[in-house]
Amino acid sequence: MFELYKPDVNDLWFRKRMMSDEQTMSYNHASGGTIAFPEECWTDWYDRWITNSNGQRFYRYIKENNSYIGETAYYFDAERQIYIADVVVYAPYRGKGYGREGLLLLCEAAKENGVKELYDDIAVDNSSVLLFLKCGFAEVLRTSEYILVKKELF
């Protein structure tokens, strides 16, 4: 069964694994690639993203049966006054449709939570822009560094 799963703080080992995996984080090469996510940060991160998100953040694992596949999230960018989507599929599971399913479920959850539009900034050399376009997002801005995509949820 495929679902978005609200992880427990003890499940964050999977996020640590993904963030430290070079292949999974290759899309992040312009910002340094892998990201440290030490266990001593988990409680504070969990409180900010899950326990006390105040409608400004949403975070879930992409899960099928008993396997974690990736993560999906959105957050409110106060500077630009928009919600930014995020989908990361763990490298061993890429190319199997999990990103598409996770992104569509994220859009559904955002809509249920009253979000009217989702955006994402995608590096110009990141092939995931095609995923967003296939899921109903439209390109609204292109620079030499990134492509801004948007989907209206209502």
N, C-alpha and C. Protein backbone atom coordinates (compact mmCIF):
# COMPACT_ATOMS: atom_id res chain seq x y z
N MET A 1 0.83 -1.18 0.00
CA MET A 1 0.00 0.00 0.00
C MET A 1 0.88 1.25 0.00
N PHE A 2 0.58 2.18 -0.87
CA PHE A 2 1.34 3.42 -1.03
C PHE A 2 0.67 4.52 -0.21
N GLU A 3 1.47 5.29 0.55
CA GLU A 3 0.89 6.33 1.39
C GLU A 3 1.91 7.40 1.75
N LEU A 4 1.40 8.53 2.22
CA LEU A 4 2.24 9.51 2.89
C LEU A 4 2.15 9.18 4.37
N TYR A 5 3.30 9.02 4.99
CA TYR A 5 3.39 8.55 6.36
C TYR A 5 4.01 9.62 7.25
N LYS A 6 3.33 9.94 8.34
CA LYS A 6 3.84 10.89 9.32
C LYS A 6 4.85 10.17 10.20
N PRO A 7 6.15 10.46 10.03
CA PRO A 7 7.15 9.71 10.79
C PRO A 7 7.17 10.12 12.26
N ASP A 8 7.64 9.22 13.06
CA ASP A 8 7.93 9.48 14.46
C ASP A 8 9.36 10.01 14.51
N VAL A 9 9.72 10.70 15.56
CA VAL A 9 11.08 11.23 15.67
C VAL A 9 12.13 10.11 15.52
N ASN A 10 11.81 8.91 15.99
CA ASN A 10 12.75 7.79 15.88
C ASN A 10 12.88 7.26 14.45
N ASP A 11 11.97 7.66 13.57
CA ASP A 11 12.05 7.25 12.16
C ASP A 11 12.98 8.16 11.35
N LEU A 12 13.50 9.21 11.97
CA LEU A 12 14.31 10.17 11.22
C LEU A 12 15.66 9.60 10.79
N TRP A 13 15.98 8.39 11.19
CA TRP A 13 17.19 7.73 10.68
C TRP A 13 17.13 7.65 9.15
N PHE A 14 15.92 7.49 8.61
CA PHE A 14 15.78 7.39 7.17
C PHE A 14 16.10 8.72 6.50
N ARG A 15 15.64 9.81 7.06
CA ARG A 15 15.96 11.13 6.51
C ARG A 15 17.47 11.35 6.56
N LYS A 16 18.09 10.97 7.66
CA LYS A 16 19.55 11.09 7.78
C LYS A 16 20.24 10.29 6.68
N ARG A 17 19.75 9.09 6.43
CA ARG A 17 20.33 8.23 5.40
C ARG A 17 20.22 8.89 4.02
N MET A 18 19.03 9.41 3.72
CA MET A 18 18.85 10.06 2.41
C MET A 18 19.72 11.30 2.26
N MET A 19 19.74 12.15 3.29
CA MET A 19 20.48 13.40 3.21
C MET A 19 21.99 13.18 3.09
N SER A 20 22.47 12.03 3.56
CA SER A 20 23.91 11.74 3.49
C SER A 20 24.29 10.91 2.27
N ASP A 21 23.31 10.51 1.47
CA ASP A 21 23.56 9.69 0.29
C ASP A 21 23.89 10.57 -0.91
N GLU A 22 25.10 10.43 -1.45
CA GLU A 22 25.54 11.28 -2.56
C GLU A 22 24.65 11.16 -3.79
N GLN A 23 24.23 9.96 -4.12
CA GLN A 23 23.39 9.78 -5.31
C GLN A 23 22.02 10.43 -5.11
N THR A 24 21.43 10.23 -3.94
CA THR A 24 20.13 10.83 -3.66
C THR A 24 20.20 12.35 -3.68
N MET A 25 21.26 12.90 -3.15
CA MET A 25 21.40 14.35 -3.02
C MET A 25 22.13 14.99 -4.20
N SER A 26 22.35 14.26 -5.26
CA SER A 26 23.07 14.81 -6.42
C SER A 26 22.36 16.04 -7.00
N TYR A 27 21.03 16.12 -6.85
CA TYR A 27 20.28 17.28 -7.34
C TYR A 27 20.71 18.55 -6.62
N ASN A 28 21.31 18.42 -5.45
CA ASN A 28 21.68 19.54 -4.59
C ASN A 28 23.14 19.96 -4.79
N HIS A 29 23.73 19.58 -5.90
CA HIS A 29 25.16 19.82 -6.12
C HIS A 29 25.54 21.30 -6.03
N ALA A 30 24.69 22.19 -6.49
CA ALA A 30 25.00 23.62 -6.46
C ALA A 30 25.07 24.17 -5.04
N SER A 31 24.41 23.50 -4.10
CA SER A 31 24.41 23.93 -2.70
C SER A 31 25.26 23.03 -1.81
N GLY A 32 26.08 22.21 -2.41
CA GLY A 32 27.00 21.40 -1.61
C GLY A 32 26.71 19.92 -1.55
N GLY A 33 25.65 19.46 -2.18
CA GLY A 33 25.37 18.02 -2.22
C GLY A 33 24.71 17.51 -0.95
N THR A 34 25.39 16.62 -0.26
CA THR A 34 24.80 15.99 0.92
C THR A 34 24.63 17.01 2.04
N ILE A 35 23.73 16.66 2.97
CA ILE A 35 23.41 17.55 4.09
C ILE A 35 23.52 16.74 5.38
N ALA A 36 24.26 17.29 6.33
CA ALA A 36 24.39 16.64 7.63
C ALA A 36 23.05 16.74 8.37
N PHE A 37 22.65 15.66 9.01
CA PHE A 37 21.43 15.63 9.80
C PHE A 37 21.70 14.78 11.05
N PRO A 38 22.55 15.30 11.96
CA PRO A 38 22.94 14.52 13.14
C PRO A 38 21.77 14.29 14.09
N GLU A 39 21.83 13.18 14.78
CA GLU A 39 20.75 12.77 15.67
C GLU A 39 20.41 13.82 16.73
N GLU A 40 21.40 14.58 17.19
CA GLU A 40 21.14 15.59 18.22
C GLU A 40 20.25 16.73 17.70
N CYS A 41 20.04 16.81 16.40
CA CYS A 41 19.16 17.84 15.81
C CYS A 41 17.74 17.34 15.58
N TRP A 42 17.52 16.06 15.70
CA TRP A 42 16.25 15.48 15.31
C TRP A 42 15.07 16.04 16.09
N THR A 43 15.18 16.17 17.40
CA THR A 43 14.05 16.61 18.22
C THR A 43 13.62 18.03 17.85
N ASP A 44 14.58 18.95 17.74
CA ASP A 44 14.24 20.32 17.37
C ASP A 44 13.64 20.38 15.97
N TRP A 45 14.24 19.65 15.02
CA TRP A 45 13.72 19.62 13.66
C TRP A 45 12.30 19.07 13.64
N TYR A 46 12.08 17.99 14.38
CA TYR A 46 10.76 17.36 14.43
C TYR A 46 9.71 18.32 15.01
N ASP A 47 10.09 19.00 16.08
CA ASP A 47 9.17 19.97 16.69
C ASP A 47 8.78 21.05 15.69
N ARG A 48 9.75 21.57 14.94
CA ARG A 48 9.49 22.66 13.99
C ARG A 48 8.67 22.18 12.80
N TRP A 49 8.98 20.99 12.26
CA TRP A 49 8.33 20.53 11.03
C TRP A 49 7.05 19.74 11.26
N ILE A 50 6.91 19.09 12.42
CA ILE A 50 5.75 18.22 12.60
C ILE A 50 4.91 18.61 13.81
N THR A 51 5.49 18.68 14.98
CA THR A 51 4.72 18.94 16.19
C THR A 51 4.14 20.35 16.22
N ASN A 52 4.95 21.35 15.91
CA ASN A 52 4.54 22.75 15.99
C ASN A 52 4.66 23.44 14.64
N SER A 53 4.11 22.84 13.62
CA SER A 53 4.28 23.38 12.26
C SER A 53 3.42 24.62 12.00
N ASN A 54 2.42 24.86 12.82
CA ASN A 54 1.56 26.05 12.73
C ASN A 54 0.98 26.29 11.32
N GLY A 55 0.74 25.22 10.59
CA GLY A 55 0.19 25.36 9.24
C GLY A 55 1.19 25.91 8.24
N GLN A 56 2.41 26.15 8.68
CA GLN A 56 3.44 26.72 7.82
C GLN A 56 4.32 25.64 7.18
N ARG A 57 4.27 24.42 7.74
CA ARG A 57 5.10 23.33 7.25
C ARG A 57 4.32 22.02 7.28
N PHE A 58 4.65 21.16 6.33
CA PHE A 58 4.04 19.83 6.24
C PHE A 58 5.15 18.89 5.79
N TYR A 59 5.30 17.75 6.48
CA TYR A 59 6.36 16.81 6.15
C TYR A 59 5.85 15.39 6.32
N ARG A 60 6.10 14.55 5.32
CA ARG A 60 5.73 13.13 5.38
C ARG A 60 6.75 12.30 4.61
N TYR A 61 6.86 11.03 5.03
CA TYR A 61 7.62 10.08 4.24
C TYR A 61 6.71 9.52 3.15
N ILE A 62 7.31 9.16 2.05
CA ILE A 62 6.63 8.37 1.02
C ILE A 62 6.91 6.93 1.43
N LYS A 63 5.86 6.16 1.59
CA LYS A 63 6.01 4.80 2.12
C LYS A 63 5.19 3.84 1.28
N GLU A 64 5.75 2.67 1.03
CA GLU A 64 5.01 1.60 0.39
C GLU A 64 5.22 0.35 1.21
N ASN A 65 4.10 -0.25 1.63
CA ASN A 65 4.14 -1.39 2.54
C ASN A 65 4.97 -0.99 3.75
N ASN A 66 6.06 -1.65 4.04
CA ASN A 66 6.88 -1.29 5.20
C ASN A 66 8.18 -0.60 4.82
N SER A 67 8.28 -0.11 3.61
CA SER A 67 9.52 0.52 3.15
C SER A 67 9.36 2.02 2.98
N TYR A 68 10.31 2.77 3.49
CA TYR A 68 10.37 4.20 3.25
C TYR A 68 11.02 4.40 1.89
N ILE A 69 10.38 5.21 1.06
CA ILE A 69 10.79 5.42 -0.32
C ILE A 69 11.44 6.79 -0.50
N GLY A 70 10.97 7.77 0.24
CA GLY A 70 11.46 9.14 0.11
C GLY A 70 10.71 10.04 1.05
N GLU A 71 10.76 11.33 0.77
CA GLU A 71 10.07 12.30 1.60
C GLU A 71 9.38 13.33 0.72
N THR A 72 8.35 13.93 1.27
CA THR A 72 7.63 15.00 0.58
C THR A 72 7.23 16.03 1.63
N ALA A 73 7.25 17.29 1.22
CA ALA A 73 6.99 18.35 2.18
C ALA A 73 6.57 19.62 1.45
N TYR A 74 6.02 20.54 2.21
CA TYR A 74 5.89 21.91 1.74
C TYR A 74 6.09 22.83 2.93
N TYR A 75 6.46 24.07 2.64
CA TYR A 75 6.63 25.07 3.70
C TYR A 75 6.28 26.44 3.14
N PHE A 76 5.91 27.33 4.04
CA PHE A 76 5.56 28.69 3.65
C PHE A 76 6.81 29.55 3.63
N ASP A 77 7.14 30.10 2.48
CA ASP A 77 8.26 31.02 2.31
C ASP A 77 7.72 32.42 2.59
N ALA A 78 7.98 32.93 3.78
CA ALA A 78 7.41 34.21 4.20
C ALA A 78 7.90 35.37 3.35
N GLU A 79 9.13 35.31 2.89
CA GLU A 79 9.67 36.40 2.09
C GLU A 79 8.91 36.57 0.77
N ARG A 80 8.60 35.44 0.13
CA ARG A 80 7.89 35.50 -1.15
C ARG A 80 6.39 35.30 -1.02
N GLN A 81 5.93 34.92 0.19
CA GLN A 81 4.52 34.69 0.46
C GLN A 81 3.94 33.57 -0.41
N ILE A 82 4.69 32.48 -0.54
CA ILE A 82 4.26 31.31 -1.31
C ILE A 82 4.63 30.04 -0.57
N TYR A 83 3.92 28.96 -0.89
CA TYR A 83 4.24 27.64 -0.36
C TYR A 83 5.14 26.92 -1.36
N ILE A 84 6.26 26.39 -0.85
CA ILE A 84 7.24 25.69 -1.67
C ILE A 84 7.12 24.19 -1.41
N ALA A 85 6.97 23.42 -2.49
CA ALA A 85 6.87 21.96 -2.41
C ALA A 85 8.26 21.33 -2.47
N ASP A 86 8.35 20.12 -1.97
CA ASP A 86 9.61 19.39 -2.00
C ASP A 86 9.31 17.90 -2.06
N VAL A 87 9.97 17.21 -2.97
CA VAL A 87 9.86 15.76 -3.07
C VAL A 87 11.26 15.22 -3.30
N VAL A 88 11.68 14.28 -2.46
CA VAL A 88 12.97 13.62 -2.63
C VAL A 88 12.71 12.12 -2.57
N VAL A 89 13.10 11.41 -3.62
CA VAL A 89 12.99 9.96 -3.65
C VAL A 89 14.38 9.39 -3.43
N TYR A 90 14.50 8.49 -2.48
CA TYR A 90 15.77 7.82 -2.19
C TYR A 90 16.26 7.13 -3.46
N ALA A 91 17.53 7.33 -3.81
CA ALA A 91 18.08 6.90 -5.10
C ALA A 91 17.73 5.47 -5.52
N PRO A 92 17.77 4.48 -4.63
CA PRO A 92 17.44 3.11 -5.09
C PRO A 92 16.00 2.94 -5.61
N TYR A 93 15.12 3.90 -5.32
CA TYR A 93 13.72 3.79 -5.72
C TYR A 93 13.35 4.72 -6.88
N ARG A 94 14.31 5.44 -7.41
CA ARG A 94 14.00 6.38 -8.49
C ARG A 94 13.63 5.67 -9.79
N GLY A 95 12.85 6.35 -10.61
CA GLY A 95 12.46 5.82 -11.91
C GLY A 95 11.34 4.80 -11.86
N LYS A 96 10.62 4.73 -10.71
CA LYS A 96 9.56 3.73 -10.55
C LYS A 96 8.20 4.37 -10.29
N GLY A 97 8.11 5.70 -10.46
CA GLY A 97 6.84 6.38 -10.30
C GLY A 97 6.54 6.88 -8.89
N TYR A 98 7.45 6.67 -7.95
CA TYR A 98 7.19 7.09 -6.58
C TYR A 98 7.16 8.60 -6.43
N GLY A 99 8.00 9.31 -7.16
CA GLY A 99 8.01 10.77 -7.09
C GLY A 99 6.68 11.34 -7.54
N ARG A 100 6.15 10.80 -8.63
CA ARG A 100 4.86 11.26 -9.15
C ARG A 100 3.76 11.03 -8.13
N GLU A 101 3.69 9.82 -7.60
CA GLU A 101 2.65 9.50 -6.62
C GLU A 101 2.80 10.35 -5.37
N GLY A 102 4.03 10.52 -4.91
CA GLY A 102 4.27 11.35 -3.72
C GLY A 102 3.89 12.80 -3.94
N LEU A 103 4.22 13.35 -5.11
CA LEU A 103 3.89 14.74 -5.42
C LEU A 103 2.38 14.93 -5.53
N LEU A 104 1.69 14.00 -6.16
CA LEU A 104 0.23 14.11 -6.27
C LEU A 104 -0.44 14.03 -4.90
N LEU A 105 0.05 13.14 -4.04
CA LEU A 105 -0.50 13.06 -2.68
C LEU A 105 -0.18 14.31 -1.88
N LEU A 106 1.01 14.88 -2.09
CA LEU A 106 1.36 16.13 -1.41
C LEU A 106 0.41 17.25 -1.83
N CYS A 107 0.12 17.35 -3.12
CA CYS A 107 -0.82 18.36 -3.61
C CYS A 107 -2.19 18.18 -2.98
N GLU A 108 -2.62 16.93 -2.87
CA GLU A 108 -3.91 16.62 -2.25
C GLU A 108 -3.93 17.06 -0.79
N ALA A 109 -2.86 16.74 -0.05
CA ALA A 109 -2.77 17.11 1.37
C ALA A 109 -2.73 18.63 1.52
N ALA A 110 -1.98 19.31 0.67
CA ALA A 110 -1.91 20.77 0.74
C ALA A 110 -3.28 21.39 0.51
N LYS A 111 -3.98 20.88 -0.48
CA LYS A 111 -5.33 21.38 -0.77
C LYS A 111 -6.25 21.17 0.43
N GLU A 112 -6.21 19.98 1.03
CA GLU A 112 -7.02 19.69 2.22
C GLU A 112 -6.67 20.62 3.38
N ASN A 113 -5.42 21.09 3.41
CA ASN A 113 -4.96 21.99 4.48
C ASN A 113 -5.18 23.46 4.13
N GLY A 114 -5.88 23.72 3.02
CA GLY A 114 -6.22 25.09 2.68
C GLY A 114 -5.21 25.85 1.84
N VAL A 115 -4.16 25.15 1.37
CA VAL A 115 -3.17 25.80 0.52
C VAL A 115 -3.77 25.92 -0.88
N LYS A 116 -3.69 27.10 -1.45
CA LYS A 116 -4.31 27.35 -2.75
C LYS A 116 -3.35 27.13 -3.93
N GLU A 117 -2.05 27.32 -3.69
CA GLU A 117 -1.04 27.16 -4.75
C GLU A 117 0.23 26.58 -4.14
N LEU A 118 0.88 25.73 -4.90
CA LEU A 118 2.19 25.21 -4.53
C LEU A 118 3.18 25.61 -5.61
N TYR A 119 4.39 25.93 -5.19
CA TYR A 119 5.48 26.29 -6.09
C TYR A 119 6.67 25.40 -5.80
N ASP A 120 7.64 25.40 -6.69
CA ASP A 120 8.95 24.83 -6.40
C ASP A 120 9.99 25.51 -7.27
N ASP A 121 11.16 25.71 -6.68
CA ASP A 121 12.33 26.21 -7.39
C ASP A 121 13.16 24.98 -7.75
N ILE A 122 13.36 24.74 -9.03
CA ILE A 122 14.08 23.55 -9.47
C ILE A 122 15.28 24.00 -10.29
N ALA A 123 16.45 23.49 -9.94
CA ALA A 123 17.66 23.84 -10.69
C ALA A 123 17.46 23.52 -12.17
N VAL A 124 17.98 24.38 -13.04
CA VAL A 124 17.76 24.21 -14.48
C VAL A 124 18.29 22.88 -15.00
N ASP A 125 19.28 22.30 -14.33
CA ASP A 125 19.83 21.02 -14.78
C ASP A 125 19.21 19.81 -14.07
N ASN A 126 18.13 20.03 -13.33
CA ASN A 126 17.49 18.95 -12.58
C ASN A 126 16.31 18.41 -13.41
N SER A 127 16.37 17.15 -13.75
CA SER A 127 15.33 16.54 -14.59
C SER A 127 13.98 16.44 -13.89
N SER A 128 13.93 16.69 -12.59
CA SER A 128 12.64 16.58 -11.89
C SER A 128 11.64 17.64 -12.33
N VAL A 129 12.10 18.65 -13.06
CA VAL A 129 11.15 19.63 -13.57
C VAL A 129 10.09 18.94 -14.43
N LEU A 130 10.48 17.90 -15.14
CA LEU A 130 9.52 17.14 -15.96
C LEU A 130 8.46 16.49 -15.09
N LEU A 131 8.85 15.98 -13.94
CA LEU A 131 7.91 15.37 -13.00
C LEU A 131 6.86 16.39 -12.59
N PHE A 132 7.29 17.58 -12.23
CA PHE A 132 6.36 18.62 -11.80
C PHE A 132 5.42 19.01 -12.93
N LEU A 133 5.96 19.16 -14.13
CA LEU A 133 5.11 19.53 -15.26
C LEU A 133 4.08 18.45 -15.56
N LYS A 134 4.48 17.17 -15.47
CA LYS A 134 3.54 16.07 -15.70
C LYS A 134 2.46 15.98 -14.62
N CYS A 135 2.74 16.57 -13.46
CA CYS A 135 1.78 16.56 -12.35
C CYS A 135 0.94 17.83 -12.29
N GLY A 136 0.94 18.59 -13.37
CA GLY A 136 0.05 19.75 -13.45
C GLY A 136 0.65 21.08 -13.06
N PHE A 137 1.94 21.12 -12.76
CA PHE A 137 2.60 22.39 -12.48
C PHE A 137 2.92 23.05 -13.81
N ALA A 138 3.02 24.37 -13.80
CA ALA A 138 3.37 25.14 -14.99
C ALA A 138 4.58 26.01 -14.67
N GLU A 139 5.44 26.17 -15.65
CA GLU A 139 6.60 27.03 -15.48
C GLU A 139 6.12 28.48 -15.46
N VAL A 140 6.55 29.24 -14.41
CA VAL A 140 6.16 30.64 -14.32
C VAL A 140 7.36 31.58 -14.37
N LEU A 141 8.57 31.05 -14.21
CA LEU A 141 9.77 31.87 -14.25
C LEU A 141 10.97 30.98 -14.53
N ARG A 142 11.88 31.47 -15.36
CA ARG A 142 13.12 30.74 -15.62
C ARG A 142 14.28 31.73 -15.55
N THR A 143 15.29 31.37 -14.77
CA THR A 143 16.52 32.15 -14.71
C THR A 143 17.65 31.25 -15.21
N SER A 144 18.85 31.73 -15.15
CA SER A 144 19.99 30.89 -15.55
C SER A 144 20.27 29.81 -14.50
N GLU A 145 19.69 29.93 -13.31
CA GLU A 145 19.95 28.98 -12.23
C GLU A 145 18.78 28.05 -11.90
N TYR A 146 17.56 28.55 -12.00
CA TYR A 146 16.42 27.73 -11.59
C TYR A 146 15.18 28.02 -12.43
N ILE A 147 14.23 27.07 -12.30
CA ILE A 147 12.92 27.19 -12.92
C ILE A 147 11.90 27.21 -11.78
N LEU A 148 11.04 28.21 -11.77
CA LEU A 148 9.97 28.29 -10.77
C LEU A 148 8.72 27.71 -11.42
N VAL A 149 8.15 26.69 -10.77
CA VAL A 149 6.91 26.08 -11.25
C VAL A 149 5.81 26.32 -10.23
N LYS A 150 4.57 26.28 -10.70
CA LYS A 150 3.41 26.59 -9.86
C LYS A 150 2.25 25.68 -10.24
N LYS A 151 1.49 25.27 -9.22
CA LYS A 151 0.25 24.54 -9.46
C LYS A 151 -0.85 25.15 -8.60
N GLU A 152 -1.97 25.47 -9.24
CA GLU A 152 -3.13 25.94 -8.51
C GLU A 152 -3.91 24.72 -8.04
N LEU A 153 -4.25 24.71 -6.76
CA LEU A 153 -4.89 23.53 -6.16
C LEU A 153 -6.40 23.66 -6.08
N PHE A 154 -6.95 24.84 -6.26
CA PHE A 154 -8.40 25.03 -6.19
C PHE A 154 -8.95 25.42 -7.52
